[in-house]
Protein backbone atom coordinates (compact mmCIF):
# COMPACT_ATOMS: atom_id res chain seq x y z
CA GLN A 1 78.96 -12.64 -23.92
CA VAL A 2 76.79 -14.70 -26.24
CA GLN A 3 76.56 -18.29 -25.09
CA LEU A 4 74.47 -21.35 -25.93
CA VAL A 5 74.41 -24.15 -23.35
CA GLU A 6 72.78 -27.44 -24.30
CA SER A 7 71.83 -30.09 -21.76
CA GLY A 8 69.60 -33.09 -21.21
CA GLY A 9 71.30 -35.70 -23.36
CA GLY A 10 72.10 -39.21 -22.26
CA LEU A 11 71.92 -42.90 -23.03
CA VAL A 12 68.48 -44.31 -23.77
CA GLN A 13 67.08 -47.47 -25.28
CA ALA A 14 65.32 -47.43 -28.62
CA GLY A 15 61.74 -46.30 -28.16
CA GLY A 16 62.63 -44.13 -25.20
CA SER A 17 62.40 -40.37 -24.70
CA LEU A 18 64.64 -37.47 -23.78
CA ARG A 19 64.08 -33.75 -23.37
CA LEU A 20 66.89 -31.45 -24.40
CA SER A 21 67.28 -27.86 -23.24
CA CYS A 22 69.26 -24.98 -24.68
CA ALA A 23 69.82 -21.91 -22.54
CA ALA A 24 70.76 -18.87 -24.59
CA SER A 25 72.47 -15.87 -23.07
CA VAL A 26 71.59 -13.49 -25.90
CA ASN A 27 69.77 -10.21 -26.17
CA MET A 28 66.31 -10.08 -27.68
CA PHE A 29 65.93 -13.86 -27.57
CA SER A 30 62.18 -13.65 -28.12
CA VAL A 31 62.36 -11.93 -31.51
CA TYR A 32 64.48 -14.57 -33.20
CA SER A 33 63.76 -18.04 -34.49
CA MET A 34 65.75 -20.85 -32.93
CA GLY A 35 66.65 -24.29 -34.15
CA TRP A 36 68.10 -27.63 -33.17
CA TYR A 37 70.84 -29.36 -35.12
CA ARG A 38 72.70 -32.61 -34.73
CA GLN A 39 75.97 -34.13 -35.83
CA ALA A 40 76.77 -37.82 -35.87
CA PRO A 41 80.37 -39.07 -35.99
CA GLY A 42 81.83 -38.69 -39.46
CA LYS A 43 78.80 -36.80 -40.76
CA GLN A 44 77.97 -33.17 -41.40
CA ARG A 45 75.87 -31.22 -38.95
CA GLU A 46 72.23 -31.38 -40.01
CA TRP A 47 69.14 -29.39 -39.22
CA VAL A 48 66.53 -31.04 -37.00
CA ALA A 49 63.83 -28.48 -36.16
CA THR A 50 63.06 -24.76 -36.04
CA ILE A 51 60.67 -22.64 -34.01
CA THR A 52 59.93 -19.07 -35.05
CA ASN A 53 59.39 -16.17 -32.70
CA TYR A 54 55.66 -16.69 -33.30
CA GLY A 55 55.87 -20.34 -32.30
CA THR A 56 55.58 -21.84 -35.77
CA THR A 57 57.49 -25.10 -35.97
CA THR A 58 59.09 -27.07 -38.79
CA TYR A 59 60.87 -30.42 -38.69
CA ALA A 60 63.19 -32.55 -40.72
CA ASP A 61 61.36 -35.49 -42.25
CA SER A 62 63.49 -37.90 -40.24
CA VAL A 63 62.09 -36.62 -36.92
CA LYS A 64 58.62 -35.41 -37.88
CA GLY A 65 55.97 -36.87 -35.61
CA ARG A 66 58.53 -37.93 -32.99
CA PHE A 67 60.25 -34.69 -31.93
CA THR A 68 58.68 -31.48 -30.64
CA ILE A 69 60.48 -28.14 -30.42
CA SER A 70 59.26 -25.48 -28.00
CA ARG A 71 60.54 -22.34 -26.33
CA ASP A 72 60.20 -20.32 -23.14
CA ASN A 73 61.10 -16.72 -23.92
CA ALA A 74 61.09 -15.68 -20.26
CA LYS A 75 63.80 -18.26 -19.58
CA LYS A 76 65.56 -17.71 -22.92
CA THR A 77 65.43 -21.44 -23.41
CA VAL A 78 64.49 -23.69 -26.31
CA TYR A 79 63.56 -27.34 -25.81
CA LEU A 80 63.49 -30.48 -27.89
CA GLN A 81 61.22 -33.28 -26.71
CA MET A 82 62.35 -36.48 -28.39
CA ASN A 83 60.07 -39.51 -28.33
CA SER A 84 60.25 -42.92 -30.01
CA LEU A 85 64.00 -42.56 -30.28
CA LYS A 86 65.87 -44.67 -32.81
CA PRO A 87 69.54 -45.70 -32.93
CA GLU A 88 69.97 -43.39 -35.95
CA ASP A 89 69.10 -40.43 -33.71
CA THR A 90 72.44 -40.93 -31.95
CA SER A 91 74.31 -37.64 -32.33
CA VAL A 92 75.57 -34.58 -30.54
CA TYR A 93 72.70 -32.09 -30.48
CA TYR A 94 73.16 -28.32 -30.75
CA CYS A 95 70.95 -25.27 -30.85
CA ASN A 96 71.43 -22.07 -32.83
CA ARG A 97 69.55 -19.55 -34.90
CA PRO A 98 68.48 -20.70 -38.38
CA ASN A 99 71.35 -18.80 -39.98
CA ARG A 100 73.74 -20.41 -37.47
CA GLU A 101 75.16 -17.00 -36.65
CA LEU A 102 75.73 -17.54 -32.94
CA PRO A 103 78.85 -19.26 -31.55
CA TRP A 104 78.13 -22.96 -31.21
CA GLY A 105 77.80 -24.41 -27.75
CA GLN A 106 79.38 -27.65 -26.62
CA GLY A 107 76.32 -29.67 -27.56
CA THR A 108 74.76 -32.54 -25.66
CA GLN A 109 75.35 -36.19 -26.54
CA VAL A 110 72.36 -38.40 -27.26
CA THR A 111 73.02 -42.12 -27.58
CA VAL A 112 70.22 -44.51 -28.48
CA SER A 113 70.93 -48.20 -28.03
CA SER A 114 69.13 -50.88 -30.02
């Protein structure tokens, strides 16, 4: 059964850091790109970052220089290190493939207070 399980969210003050994890119970995890997405209340889900199977990373302009995506293929896990957090980063964070083809997980809530 394909499953994505996000964790690591929480409440943090502006300027703080969090590290999110996404454990993926999928076959052939290492050959696919993975990405992080987020959805704030009343807004559409938006792309945050992608890491290819080769380790190449890309970021949304809003998080570039503050967030770092990484992966551990042996653990079938993708990470998102978030530094210098801002109140506008408050969202539920999800992981998925770039084409969003996997069933969405429950997400992990990140709340940044000012």
